[in-house]
PDB file of N, CA and C in Angstrom:
ATOM      1  N   UNK A   1      66.086 147.974-153.961  1.00  0.00           N
ATOM      2  CA  UNK A   1      64.565 148.373-154.480  1.00  0.00           C
ATOM      3  C   UNK A   1      64.079 149.098-152.981  1.00  0.00           C
ATOM      4  N   UNK A   2      63.561 149.710-152.972  1.00  0.00           N
ATOM      5  CA  UNK A   2      62.990 150.598-151.662  1.00  0.00           C
ATOM      6  C   UNK A   2      61.883 149.876-151.843  1.00  0.00           C
ATOM      7  N   UNK A   3      60.696 149.658-150.787  1.00  0.00           N
ATOM      8  CA  UNK A   3      59.837 149.279-150.046  1.00  0.00           C
ATOM      9  C   UNK A   3      58.991 150.335-149.369  1.00  0.00           C
ATOM     10  N   UNK A   4      57.955 150.949-148.912  1.00  0.00           N
ATOM     11  CA  UNK A   4      57.179 151.677-148.223  1.00  0.00           C
ATOM     12  C   UNK A   4      55.764 151.286-147.830  1.00  0.00           C
ATOM     13  N   UNK A   5      56.034 150.854-146.532  1.00  0.00           N
ATOM     14  CA  UNK A   5      55.183 150.015-145.858  1.00  0.00           C
ATOM     15  C   UNK A   5      55.780 148.733-144.974  1.00  0.00           C
ATOM     16  N   UNK A   6      55.074 148.475-144.224  1.00  0.00           N
ATOM     17  CA  UNK A   6      55.239 147.389-143.217  1.00  0.00           C
ATOM     18  C   UNK A   6      55.432 146.124-143.998  1.00  0.00           C
ATOM     19  N   UNK A   7      56.619 145.432-143.220  1.00  0.00           N
ATOM     20  CA  UNK A   7      56.635 144.266-144.412  1.00  0.00           C
ATOM     21  C   UNK A   7      57.193 142.943-143.235  1.00  0.00           C
ATOM     22  N   UNK A   8      56.048 141.630-143.440  1.00  0.00           N
ATOM     23  CA  UNK A   8      56.585 140.409-142.663  1.00  0.00           C
ATOM     24  C   UNK A   8      57.460 139.527-142.917  1.00  0.00           C
ATOM     25  N   UNK A   9      58.593 139.761-142.912  1.00  0.00           N
ATOM     26  CA  UNK A   9      60.406 139.285-143.616  1.00  0.00           C
ATOM     27  C   UNK A   9      59.463 137.229-143.566  1.00  0.00           C
ATOM     28  N   UNK A  10      58.575 136.719-142.883  1.00  0.00           N
ATOM     29  CA  UNK A  10      58.804 135.157-143.331  1.00  0.00           C
ATOM     30  C   UNK A  10      57.419 135.171-144.013  1.00  0.00           C
ATOM     31  N   UNK A  11      57.115 136.252-144.783  1.00  0.00           N
ATOM     32  CA  UNK A  11      55.746 136.321-145.637  1.00  0.00           C
ATOM     33  C   UNK A  11      56.387 136.455-146.562  1.00  0.00           C
ATOM     34  N   UNK A  12      57.304 137.680-147.087  1.00  0.00           N
ATOM     35  CA  UNK A  12      58.461 137.658-147.941  1.00  0.00           C
ATOM     36  C   UNK A  12      59.053 136.857-148.230  1.00  0.00           C
ATOM     37  N   UNK A  13      60.140 135.825-147.666  1.00  0.00           N
ATOM     38  CA  UNK A  13      60.887 134.943-147.656  1.00  0.00           C
ATOM     39  C   UNK A  13      59.729 133.798-148.432  1.00  0.00           C
ATOM     40  N   UNK A  14      58.593 133.515-148.024  1.00  0.00           N
ATOM     41  CA  UNK A  14      57.757 132.302-148.635  1.00  0.00           C
ATOM     42  C   UNK A  14      56.986 132.657-150.048  1.00  0.00           C
ATOM     43  N   UNK A  15      57.156 134.337-150.219  1.00  0.00           N
ATOM     44  CA  UNK A  15      56.725 134.786-151.355  1.00  0.00           C
ATOM     45  C   UNK A  15      57.780 134.619-152.538  1.00  0.00           C
ATOM     46  N   UNK A  16      59.186 134.708-152.657  1.00  0.00           N
ATOM     47  CA  UNK A  16      60.059 134.971-152.561  1.00  0.00           C
ATOM     48  C   UNK A  16      60.076 133.209-153.342  1.00  0.00           C
ATOM     49  N   UNK A  17      60.112 132.161-152.130  1.00  0.00           N
ATOM     50  CA  UNK A  17      60.422 130.884-152.673  1.00  0.00           C
ATOM     51  C   UNK A  17      59.070 130.113-153.821  1.00  0.00           C
ATOM     52  N   UNK A  18      58.008 131.354-153.532  1.00  0.00           N
ATOM     53  CA  UNK A  18      56.563 130.511-154.515  1.00  0.00           C
ATOM     54  C   UNK A  18      57.569 131.346-155.773  1.00  0.00           C
ATOM     55  N   UNK A  19      57.466 132.524-156.392  1.00  0.00           N
ATOM     56  CA  UNK A  19      58.732 132.475-157.249  1.00  0.00           C
ATOM     57  C   UNK A  19      59.811 132.200-157.973  1.00  0.00           C
ATOM     58  N   UNK A  20      60.691 131.852-156.953  1.00  0.00           N
ATOM     59  CA  UNK A  20      61.733 130.944-157.526  1.00  0.00           C
ATOM     60  C   UNK A  20      61.969 129.251-157.805  1.00  0.00           C
ATOM     61  N   UNK A  21      60.588 128.740-157.174  1.00  0.00           N
ATOM     62  CA  UNK A  21      59.958 127.861-157.990  1.00  0.00           C
ATOM     63  C   UNK A  21      58.890 127.968-159.268  1.00  0.00           C
ATOM     64  N   UNK A  22      58.670 128.549-159.605  1.00  0.00           N
ATOM     65  CA  UNK A  22      57.823 129.223-160.891  1.00  0.00           C
ATOM     66  C   UNK A  22      59.112 129.113-161.474  1.00  0.00           C
ATOM     67  N   UNK A  23      59.952 130.323-161.594  1.00  0.00           N
ATOM     68  CA  UNK A  23      60.264 130.186-162.309  1.00  0.00           C
ATOM     69  C   UNK A  23      61.824 130.183-162.808  1.00  0.00           C
ATOM     70  N   UNK A  24      61.901 129.466-164.198  1.00  0.00           N
ATOM     71  CA  UNK A  24      63.271 128.611-164.216  1.00  0.00           C
ATOM     72  C   UNK A  24      64.587 129.340-164.150  1.00  0.00           C
ATOM     73  N   UNK A  25      64.434 130.328-164.510  1.00  0.00           N
ATOM     74  CA  UNK A  25      65.646 131.258-164.649  1.00  0.00           C
ATOM     75  C   UNK A  25      65.968 131.079-162.992  1.00  0.00           C
ATOM     76  N   UNK A  26      65.552 131.536-162.320  1.00  0.00           N
ATOM     77  CA  UNK A  26      66.153 131.429-161.033  1.00  0.00           C
ATOM     78  C   UNK A  26      66.422 130.461-160.293  1.00  0.00           C
ATOM     79  N   UNK A  27      66.400 128.965-161.682  1.00  0.00           N
ATOM     80  CA  UNK A  27      66.984 127.867-160.993  1.00  0.00           C
ATOM     81  C   UNK A  27      68.097 126.930-161.220  1.00  0.00           C
ATOM     82  N   UNK A  28      68.684 128.279-162.157  1.00  0.00           N
ATOM     83  CA  UNK A  28      69.364 127.602-162.944  1.00  0.00           C
ATOM     84  C   UNK A  28      71.237 127.676-162.401  1.00  0.00           C
ATOM     85  N   UNK A  29      71.390 126.621-162.571  1.00  0.00           N
ATOM     86  CA  UNK A  29      73.280 126.764-162.032  1.00  0.00           C
ATOM     87  C   UNK A  29      74.166 125.921-163.374  1.00  0.00           C
ATOM     88  N   UNK A  30      75.181 126.324-162.675  1.00  0.00           N
ATOM     89  CA  UNK A  30      76.378 125.335-163.143  1.00  0.00           C
ATOM     90  C   UNK A  30      76.949 124.503-162.068  1.00  0.00           C
ATOM     91  N   UNK A  31      77.064 123.225-162.671  1.00  0.00           N
ATOM     92  CA  UNK A  31      77.813 122.217-162.365  1.00  0.00           C
ATOM     93  C   UNK A  31      79.457 121.982-163.026  1.00  0.00           C
ATOM     94  N   UNK A  32      80.476 122.289-162.306  1.00  0.00           N
ATOM     95  CA  UNK A  32      81.726 122.001-162.923  1.00  0.00           C
ATOM     96  C   UNK A  32      81.683 119.832-163.149  1.00  0.00           C
ATOM     97  N   UNK A  33      81.915 119.709-164.173  1.00  0.00           N
ATOM     98  CA  UNK A  33      81.703 117.991-164.281  1.00  0.00           C
ATOM     99  C   UNK A  33      83.365 118.099-164.910  1.00  0.00           C
ATOM    100  N   UNK A  34      84.843 118.442-164.412  1.00  0.00           N
ATOM    101  CA  UNK A  34      86.466 117.663-165.131  1.00  0.00           C
ATOM    102  C   UNK A  34      86.547 118.862-165.597  1.00  0.00           C
ATOM    103  N   UNK A  35      86.430 119.236-167.093  1.00  0.00           N
ATOM    104  CA  UNK A  35      86.785 120.108-167.584  1.00  0.00           C
ATOM    105  C   UNK A  35      85.300 120.813-168.073  1.00  0.00           C
ATOM    106  N   UNK A  36      84.394 120.130-168.026  1.00  0.00           N
ATOM    107  CA  UNK A  36      83.342 120.842-168.785  1.00  0.00           C
ATOM    108  C   UNK A  36      81.869 121.348-167.608  1.00  0.00           C
ATOM    109  N   UNK A  37      81.482 122.802-168.348  1.00  0.00           N
ATOM    110  CA  UNK A  37      80.510 123.396-167.328  1.00  0.00           C
ATOM    111  C   UNK A  37      79.106 122.449-167.328  1.00  0.00           C
ATOM    112  N   UNK A  38      78.232 122.198-166.610  1.00  0.00           N
ATOM    113  CA  UNK A  38      76.719 121.874-167.106  1.00  0.00           C
ATOM    114  C   UNK A  38      75.850 122.647-166.802  1.00  0.00           C
ATOM    115  N   UNK A  39      74.933 123.274-167.512  1.00  0.00           N
ATOM    116  CA  UNK A  39      74.013 123.545-167.396  1.00  0.00           C
ATOM    117  C   UNK A  39      72.372 122.814-166.534  1.00  0.00           C
ATOM    118  N   UNK A  40      72.166 123.560-165.010  1.00  0.00           N
ATOM    119  CA  UNK A  40      70.993 122.616-164.119  1.00  0.00           C
ATOM    120  C   UNK A  40      70.522 123.137-163.966  1.00  0.00           C
ATOM    121  N   UNK A  41      69.036 122.322-163.965  1.00  0.00           N
ATOM    122  CA  UNK A  41      67.910 123.473-163.276  1.00  0.00           C
ATOM    123  C   UNK A  41      67.580 122.878-161.661  1.00  0.00           C
ATOM    124  N   UNK A  42      68.004 123.288-160.376  1.00  0.00           N
ATOM    125  CA  UNK A  42      67.505 123.264-158.731  1.00  0.00           C
ATOM    126  C   UNK A  42      66.389 123.307-158.946  1.00  0.00           C
ATOM    127  N   UNK A  43      66.153 121.388-158.098  1.00  0.00           N
ATOM    128  CA  UNK A  43      64.721 121.235-157.855  1.00  0.00           C
ATOM    129  C   UNK A  43      64.818 121.412-156.134  1.00  0.00           C
ATOM    130  N   UNK A  44      63.655 121.807-156.094  1.00  0.00           N
ATOM    131  CA  UNK A  44      63.277 121.619-154.856  1.00  0.00           C
ATOM    132  C   UNK A  44      64.396 122.895-154.022  1.00  0.00           C
ATOM    133  N   UNK A  45      64.157 124.028-154.052  1.00  0.00           N
ATOM    134  CA  UNK A  45      65.104 125.463-154.003  1.00  0.00           C
ATOM    135  C   UNK A  45      64.503 125.771-152.912  1.00  0.00           C
ATOM    136  N   UNK A  46      65.127 126.092-151.396  1.00  0.00           N
ATOM    137  CA  UNK A  46      64.125 127.211-150.277  1.00  0.00           C
ATOM    138  C   UNK A  46      65.788 127.941-149.853  1.00  0.00           C
ATOM    139  N   UNK A  47      64.397 129.669-150.474  1.00  0.00           N
ATOM    140  CA  UNK A  47      66.007 130.383-150.031  1.00  0.00           C
ATOM    141  C   UNK A  47      65.385 130.312-148.751  1.00  0.00           C
ATOM    142  N   UNK A  48      66.873 130.751-147.858  1.00  0.00           N
ATOM    143  CA  UNK A  48      66.795 131.414-146.352  1.00  0.00           C
ATOM    144  C   UNK A  48      67.094 132.933-146.850  1.00  0.00           C
ATOM    145  N   UNK A  49      66.107 133.831-146.625  1.00  0.00           N
ATOM    146  CA  UNK A  49      65.930 135.253-147.107  1.00  0.00           C
ATOM    147  C   UNK A  49      67.058 135.713-145.980  1.00  0.00           C
ATOM    148  N   UNK A  50      68.051 136.608-146.712  1.00  0.00           N
ATOM    149  CA  UNK A  50      68.712 136.813-145.945  1.00  0.00           C
ATOM    150  C   UNK A  50      67.863 138.793-145.109  1.00  0.00           C
ATOM    151  N   UNK A  51      67.948 138.540-143.529  1.00  0.00           N
ATOM    152  CA  UNK A  51      67.762 139.949-143.360  1.00  0.00           C
ATOM    153  C   UNK A  51      68.413 140.604-142.390  1.00  0.00           C
ATOM    154  N   UNK A  52      68.331 142.255-142.174  1.00  0.00           N
ATOM    155  CA  UNK A  52      69.397 142.788-141.500  1.00  0.00           C
ATOM    156  C   UNK A  52      68.780 144.508-141.256  1.00  0.00           C
ATOM    157  N   UNK A  53      68.745 144.378-139.919  1.00  0.00           N
ATOM    158  CA  UNK A  53      67.994 145.409-139.134  1.00  0.00           C
ATOM    159  C   UNK A  53      68.679 146.350-139.182  1.00  0.00           C
ATOM    160  N   UNK A  54      68.542 146.990-139.131  1.00  0.00           N
ATOM    161  CA  UNK A  54      69.282 148.726-139.524  1.00  0.00           C
ATOM    162  C   UNK A  54      68.152 149.801-138.779  1.00  0.00           C
ATOM    163  N   UNK A  55      67.669 150.069-138.058  1.00  0.00           N
ATOM    164  CA  UNK A  55      66.140 150.042-137.967  1.00  0.00           C
ATOM    165  C   UNK A  55      66.618 151.345-136.370  1.00  0.00           C
ATOM    166  N   UNK A  56      67.899 150.274-135.989  1.00  0.00           N
ATOM    167  CA  UNK A  56      68.039 151.036-134.614  1.00  0.00           C
ATOM    168  C   UNK A  56      69.431 151.636-134.050  1.00  0.00           C
ATOM    169  N   UNK A  57      70.008 151.919-135.815  1.00  0.00           N
ATOM    170  CA  UNK A  57      71.137 152.473-135.804  1.00  0.00           C
ATOM    171  C   UNK A  57      71.779 153.787-136.143  1.00  0.00           C
ATOM    172  N   UNK A  58      72.429 154.640-135.759  1.00  0.00           N
ATOM    173  CA  UNK A  58      72.459 155.860-136.687  1.00  0.00           C
ATOM    174  C   UNK A  58      72.911 155.703-138.585  1.00  0.00           C
ATOM    175  N   UNK A  59      71.703 156.623-138.457  1.00  0.00           N
ATOM    176  CA  UNK A  59      71.878 156.958-140.208  1.00  0.00           C
ATOM    177  C   UNK A  59      71.467 156.013-140.746  1.00  0.00           C
ATOM    178  N   UNK A  60      70.312 154.873-140.258  1.00  0.00           N
ATOM    179  CA  UNK A  60      70.168 153.621-140.957  1.00  0.00           C
ATOM    180  C   UNK A  60      69.458 153.519-142.057  1.00  0.00           C
ATOM    181  N   UNK A  61      69.117 154.468-142.926  1.00  0.00           N
ATOM    182  CA  UNK A  61      68.854 154.434-144.217  1.00  0.00           C
ATOM    183  C   UNK A  61      70.327 154.738-144.787  1.00  0.00           C
ATOM    184  N   UNK A  62      71.416 155.290-144.313  1.00  0.00           N
ATOM    185  CA  UNK A  62      72.843 155.408-144.858  1.00  0.00           C
ATOM    186  C   UNK A  62      73.583 154.173-144.719  1.00  0.00           C
ATOM    187  N   UNK A  63      72.963 153.137-143.221  1.00  0.00           N
ATOM    188  CA  UNK A  63      73.801 151.722-142.769  1.00  0.00           C
ATOM    189  C   UNK A  63      73.188 150.776-144.174  1.00  0.00           C
ATOM    190  N   UNK A  64      71.649 150.560-144.099  1.00  0.00           N
ATOM    191  CA  UNK A  64      71.704 150.068-144.986  1.00  0.00           C
ATOM    192  C   UNK A  64      72.005 150.412-146.514  1.00  0.00           C
ATOM    193  N   UNK A  65      72.334 151.476-146.990  1.00  0.00           N
ATOM    194  CA  UNK A  65      72.991 151.478-148.465  1.00  0.00           C
ATOM    195  C   UNK A  65      74.171 151.252-148.653  1.00  0.00           C
ATOM    196  N   UNK A  66      74.590 150.896-147.621  1.00  0.00           N
ATOM    197  CA  UNK A  66      75.888 150.992-147.534  1.00  0.00           C
ATOM    198  C   UNK A  66      76.595 149.772-147.795  1.00  0.00           C
ATOM    199  N   UNK A  67      75.628 148.749-146.464  1.00  0.00           N
ATOM    200  CA  UNK A  67      75.626 147.283-146.567  1.00  0.00           C
ATOM    201  C   UNK A  67      75.078 146.872-148.042  1.00  0.00           C
ATOM    202  N   UNK A  68      74.069 146.904-148.464  1.00  0.00           N
ATOM    203  CA  UNK A  68      73.908 146.922-149.553  1.00  0.00           C
ATOM    204  C   UNK A  68      74.687 146.925-151.019  1.00  0.00           C
ATOM    205  N   UNK A  69      75.590 147.852-150.682  1.00  0.00           N
ATOM    206  CA  UNK A  69      76.929 148.485-152.068  1.00  0.00           C
ATOM    207  C   UNK A  69      77.884 147.480-151.661  1.00  0.00           C
ATOM    208  N   UNK A  70      78.118 147.436-150.655  1.00  0.00           N
ATOM    209  CA  UNK A  70      79.152 146.208-150.439  1.00  0.00           C
ATOM    210  C   UNK A  70      79.007 145.350-151.081  1.00  0.00           C
ATOM    211  N   UNK A  71      77.924 144.390-150.402  1.00  0.00           N
ATOM    212  CA  UNK A  71      77.240 143.559-151.595  1.00  0.00           C
ATOM    213  C   UNK A  71      76.648 143.273-152.529  1.00  0.00           C
ATOM    214  N   UNK A  72      76.756 143.992-153.166  1.00  0.00           N
ATOM    215  CA  UNK A  72      76.073 144.349-154.844  1.00  0.00           C
ATOM    216  C   UNK A  72      77.970 143.338-155.372  1.00  0.00           C
ATOM    217  N   UNK A  73      78.827 144.457-154.803  1.00  0.00           N
ATOM    218  CA  UNK A  73      80.301 144.558-155.596  1.00  0.00           C
ATOM    219  C   UNK A  73      80.656 143.460-155.696  1.00  0.00           C
ATOM    220  N   UNK A  74      80.347 141.969-154.423  1.00  0.00           N
ATOM    221  CA  UNK A  74      80.689 141.095-153.964  1.00  0.00           C
ATOM    222  C   UNK A  74      80.700 140.060-155.401  1.00  0.00           C
ATOM    223  N   UNK A  75      81.455 139.716-155.887  1.00  0.00           N
ATOM    224  CA  UNK A  75      81.511 137.979-157.157  1.00  0.00           C
ATOM    225  C   UNK A  75      80.903 137.013-156.221  1.00  0.00           C
ATOM    226  N   UNK A  76      79.860 136.641-157.351  1.00  0.00           N
ATOM    227  CA  UNK A  76      79.391 135.474-157.390  1.00  0.00           C
ATOM    228  C   UNK A  76      80.048 134.050-157.350  1.00  0.00           C
ATOM    229  N   UNK A  77      80.069 133.063-156.775  1.00  0.00           N
ATOM    230  CA  UNK A  77      80.580 131.744-156.616  1.00  0.00           C
ATOM    231  C   UNK A  77      79.662 131.251-158.214  1.00  0.00           C
ATOM    232  N   UNK A  78      80.523 130.816-159.044  1.00  0.00           N
ATOM    233  CA  UNK A  78      79.410 130.374-160.161  1.00  0.00           C
ATOM    234  C   UNK A  78      79.132 128.866-160.380  1.00  0.00           C
ATOM    235  N   UNK A  79      79.729 128.209-160.062  1.00  0.00           N
ATOM    236  CA  UNK A  79      79.694 126.556-160.025  1.00  0.00           C
ATOM    237  C   UNK A  79      78.567 126.111-158.214  1.00  0.00           C
ATOM    238  N   UNK A  80      77.960 125.359-158.208  1.00  0.00           N
ATOM    239  CA  UNK A  80      77.488 124.893-157.391  1.00  0.00           C
ATOM    240  C   UNK A  80      76.291 125.619-156.595  1.00  0.00           C
ATOM    241  N   UNK A  81      76.123 126.903-157.183  1.00  0.00           N
ATOM    242  CA  UNK A  81      75.884 127.897-156.293  1.00  0.00           C
ATOM    243  C   UNK A  81      74.410 128.798-157.361  1.00  0.00           C
ATOM    244  N   UNK A  82      73.558 129.247-155.950  1.00  0.00           N
ATOM    245  CA  UNK A  82      72.668 130.436-156.693  1.00  0.00           C
ATOM    246  C   UNK A  82      73.018 131.030-157.761  1.00  0.00           C
ATOM    247  N   UNK A  83      72.248 132.140-159.355  1.00  0.00           N
ATOM    248  CA  UNK A  83      73.122 132.926-159.592  1.00  0.00           C
ATOM    249  C   UNK A  83      72.529 134.366-159.348  1.00  0.00           C
ATOM    250  N   UNK A  84      72.133 134.271-157.832  1.00  0.00           N
ATOM    251  CA  UNK A  84      71.066 135.453-157.414  1.00  0.00           C
ATOM    252  C   UNK A  84      71.121 135.602-156.019  1.00  0.00           C
ATOM    253  N   UNK A  85      71.112 136.439-155.237  1.00  0.00           N
ATOM    254  CA  UNK A  85      71.177 137.458-154.091  1.00  0.00           C
ATOM    255  C   UNK A  85      70.050 137.680-153.390  1.00  0.00           C
ATOM    256  N   UNK A  86      69.132 137.586-152.644  1.00  0.00           N
ATOM    257  CA  UNK A  86      68.086 138.387-151.833  1.00  0.00           C
ATOM    258  C   UNK A  86      68.270 139.228-150.446  1.00  0.00           C
ATOM    259  N   UNK A  87      68.097 139.864-150.193  1.00  0.00           N
ATOM    260  CA  UNK A  87      68.582 140.192-148.813  1.00  0.00           C
ATOM    261  C   UNK A  87      67.091 141.305-148.780  1.00  0.00           C
ATOM    262  N   UNK A  88      67.027 141.363-147.241  1.00  0.00           N
ATOM    263  CA  UNK A  88      65.530 142.698-147.014  1.00  0.00           C
ATOM    264  C   UNK A  88      66.417 143.188-145.622  1.00  0.00           C
ATOM    265  N   UNK A  89      66.318 144.412-145.580  1.00  0.00           N
ATOM    266  CA  UNK A  89      66.666 145.405-145.074  1.00  0.00           C
ATOM    267  C   UNK A  89      66.137 146.385-144.935  1.00  0.00           C
ATOM    268  N   UNK A  90      66.007 146.290-143.085  1.00  0.00           N
ATOM    269  CA  UNK A  90      64.732 147.000-142.429  1.00  0.00           C
ATOM    270  C   UNK A  90      65.418 148.562-141.743  1.00  0.00           C
ATOM    271  N   UNK A  91      65.152 149.538-142.373  1.00  0.00           N
ATOM    272  CA  UNK A  91      65.026 151.029-142.299  1.00  0.00           C
ATOM    273  C   UNK A  91      64.361 151.473-141.131  1.00  0.00           C
ATOM    274  N   UNK A  92      63.034 151.392-140.993  1.00  0.00           N
ATOM    275  CA  UNK A  92      62.143 151.877-139.709  1.00  0.00           C
ATOM    276  C   UNK A  92      61.041 150.983-140.079  1.00  0.00           C
ATOM    277  N   UNK A  93      59.987 151.249-139.305  1.00  0.00           N
ATOM    278  CA  UNK A  93      59.203 150.869-138.955  1.00  0.00           C
ATOM    279  C   UNK A  93      58.500 150.311-140.725  1.00  0.00           C
ATOM    280  N   UNK A  94      58.392 151.421-141.587  1.00  0.00           N
ATOM    281  CA  UNK A  94      57.535 151.300-142.381  1.00  0.00           C
ATOM    282  C   UNK A  94      58.580 151.817-143.848  1.00  0.00           C
ATOM    283  N   UNK A  95      59.351 151.653-143.978  1.00  0.00           N
ATOM    284  CA  UNK A  95      60.474 151.310-144.573  1.00  0.00           C
ATOM    285  C   UNK A  95      61.630 150.821-144.635  1.00  0.00           C
ATOM    286  N   UNK A  96      61.768 149.578-145.965  1.00  0.00           N
ATOM    287  CA  UNK A  96      62.877 148.444-146.044  1.00  0.00           C
ATOM    288  C   UNK A  96      63.349 148.205-147.432  1.00  0.00           C
ATOM    289  N   UNK A  97      64.069 147.731-147.687  1.00  0.00           N
ATOM    290  CA  UNK A  97      65.565 148.171-148.845  1.00  0.00           C
ATOM    291  C   UNK A  97      65.342 146.528-149.021  1.00  0.00           C
ATOM    292  N   UNK A  98      65.193 146.213-150.529  1.00  0.00           N
ATOM    293  CA  UNK A  98      65.355 144.894-150.955  1.00  0.00           C
ATOM    294  C   UNK A  98      66.396 144.558-152.321  1.00  0.00           C
ATOM    295  N   UNK A  99      67.703 143.938-151.680  1.00  0.00           N
ATOM    296  CA  UNK A  99      68.722 143.867-152.473  1.00  0.00           C
ATOM    297  C   UNK A  99      68.375 142.868-153.538  1.00  0.00           C
ATOM    298  N   UNK A 100      68.155 143.037-154.267  1.00  0.00           N
ATOM    299  CA  UNK A 100      68.134 141.737-156.215  1.00  0.00           C
ATOM    300  C   UNK A 100      69.559 142.085-156.483  1.00  0.00           C
ATOM    301  N   UNK A 101      70.070 140.937-156.410  1.00  0.00           N
ATOM    302  CA  UNK A 101      71.566 140.941-157.134  1.00  0.00           C
ATOM    303  C   UNK A 101      71.551 139.695-158.165  1.00  0.00           C
ATOM    304  N   UNK A 102      71.914 139.778-158.967  1.00  0.00           N
ATOM    305  CA  UNK A 102      72.086 138.761-160.425  1.00  0.00           C
ATOM    306  C   UNK A 102      72.488 138.537-161.164  1.00  0.00           C
ATOM    307  N   UNK A 103      73.634 137.162-161.456  1.00  0.00           N
ATOM    308  CA  UNK A 103      74.476 136.957-162.168  1.00  0.00           C
ATOM    309  C   UNK A 103      74.142 137.591-163.510  1.00  0.00           C
ATOM    310  N   UNK A 104      75.360 138.036-163.942  1.00  0.00           N
ATOM    311  CA  UNK A 104      74.627 138.608-165.705  1.00  0.00           C
ATOM    312  C   UNK A 104      74.211 137.513-166.603  1.00  0.00           C
ATOM    313  N   UNK A 105      74.720 136.489-166.208  1.00  0.00           N
ATOM    314  CA  UNK A 105      74.448 135.293-166.880  1.00  0.00           C
ATOM    315  C   UNK A 105      72.990 135.308-166.980  1.00  0.00           C
ATOM    316  N   UNK A 106      72.615 135.192-165.987  1.00  0.00           N
ATOM    317  CA  UNK A 106      70.839 135.785-165.446  1.00  0.00           C
ATOM    318  C   UNK A 106      69.718 136.454-165.800  1.00  0.00           C
ATOM    319  N   UNK A 107      70.477 137.943-166.085  1.00  0.00           N
ATOM    320  CA  UNK A 107      69.767 138.963-165.981  1.00  0.00           C
ATOM    321  C   UNK A 107      71.209 140.275-166.532  1.00  0.00           C
ATOM    322  N   UNK A 108      70.868 140.858-167.182  1.00  0.00           N
ATOM    323  CA  UNK A 108      71.677 141.952-167.377  1.00  0.00           C
ATOM    324  C   UNK A 108      71.517 143.159-166.978  1.00  0.00           C
ATOM    325  N   UNK A 109      72.056 144.026-167.193  1.00  0.00           N
ATOM    326  CA  UNK A 109      71.761 146.251-166.924  1.00  0.00           C
ATOM    327  C   UNK A 109      70.523 146.777-167.270  1.00  0.00           C
ATOM    328  N   UNK A 110      70.221 145.856-168.442  1.00  0.00           N
ATOM    329  CA  UNK A 110      69.031 146.413-169.228  1.00  0.00           C
ATOM    330  C   UNK A 110      67.361 145.986-168.735  1.00  0.00           C
ATOM    331  N   UNK A 111      67.658 144.819-168.231  1.00  0.00           N
ATOM    332  CA  UNK A 111      66.674 144.026-167.765  1.00  0.00           C
ATOM    333  C   UNK A 111      66.139 143.837-166.122  1.00  0.00           C
ATOM    334  N   UNK A 112      67.550 145.431-165.463  1.00  0.00           N
ATOM    335  CA  UNK A 112      67.139 145.553-163.836  1.00  0.00           C
ATOM    336  C   UNK A 112      67.572 146.840-163.689  1.00  0.00           C
ATOM    337  N   UNK A 113      66.612 147.135-162.669  1.00  0.00           N
ATOM    338  CA  UNK A 113      67.747 148.437-162.496  1.00  0.00           C
ATOM    339  C   UNK A 113      66.700 148.614-161.032  1.00  0.00           C
ATOM    340  N   UNK A 114      67.968 149.774-160.071  1.00  0.00           N
ATOM    341  CA  UNK A 114      68.083 149.533-159.275  1.00  0.00           C
ATOM    342  C   UNK A 114      67.591 151.095-158.577  1.00  0.00           C
ATOM    343  N   UNK A 115      66.683 151.789-158.005  1.00  0.00           N
ATOM    344  CA  UNK A 115      66.668 152.914-157.937  1.00  0.00           C
ATOM    345  C   UNK A 115      66.338 153.001-155.864  1.00  0.00           C
ATOM    346  N   UNK A 116      67.159 153.257-154.968  1.00  0.00           N
ATOM    347  CA  UNK A 116      67.291 153.198-153.898  1.00  0.00           C
ATOM    348  C   UNK A 116      67.399 154.360-153.068  1.00  0.00           C
ATOM    349  N   UNK A 117      67.440 155.773-153.961  1.00  0.00           N
ATOM    350  CA  UNK A 117      68.472 156.134-153.808  1.00  0.00           C
ATOM    351  C   UNK A 117      67.454 157.703-152.693  1.00  0.00           C
ATOM    352  N   UNK A 118      66.514 157.083-152.679  1.00  0.00           N
ATOM    353  CA  UNK A 118      65.326 158.169-151.981  1.00  0.00           C
ATOM    354  C   UNK A 118      65.409 157.578-151.298  1.00  0.00           C
ATOM    355  N   UNK A 119      65.028 158.838-149.932  1.00  0.00           N
ATOM    356  CA  UNK A 119      64.879 158.135-148.061  1.00  0.00           C
ATOM    357  C   UNK A 119      63.779 157.964-148.277  1.00  0.00           C
ATOM    358  N   UNK A 120      62.734 157.124-146.996  1.00  0.00           N
ATOM    359  CA  UNK A 120      60.958 157.240-147.069  1.00  0.00           C
ATOM    360  C   UNK A 120      61.129 158.161-146.070  1.00  0.00           C
TER     361      UNK A 120
END
């Protein structure tokens, strides 16, 4: 998702953590116990938001989008892990990209879309 405007990454992280605390789906985890997988809801989750600054690189938008694409195709660790990944990428002072990656057990392609191809 492209975000036009200036962002304070610390405040963005704080807001994401508030959303996670108030949304059960974002706290779902699977724990493997012997041969059985069990679904649990994690308590007191604190996300450390990944932040990548591409603003000082050549082709900053392209670099940010390519990094996001590489991250997007990586598999999730299913057990004992969150079923999402968030990252904030700075392309310029007034343009950021927000990587929102969800395991299909949490959300499907119909529920989410990503329109990041436009440049700021």
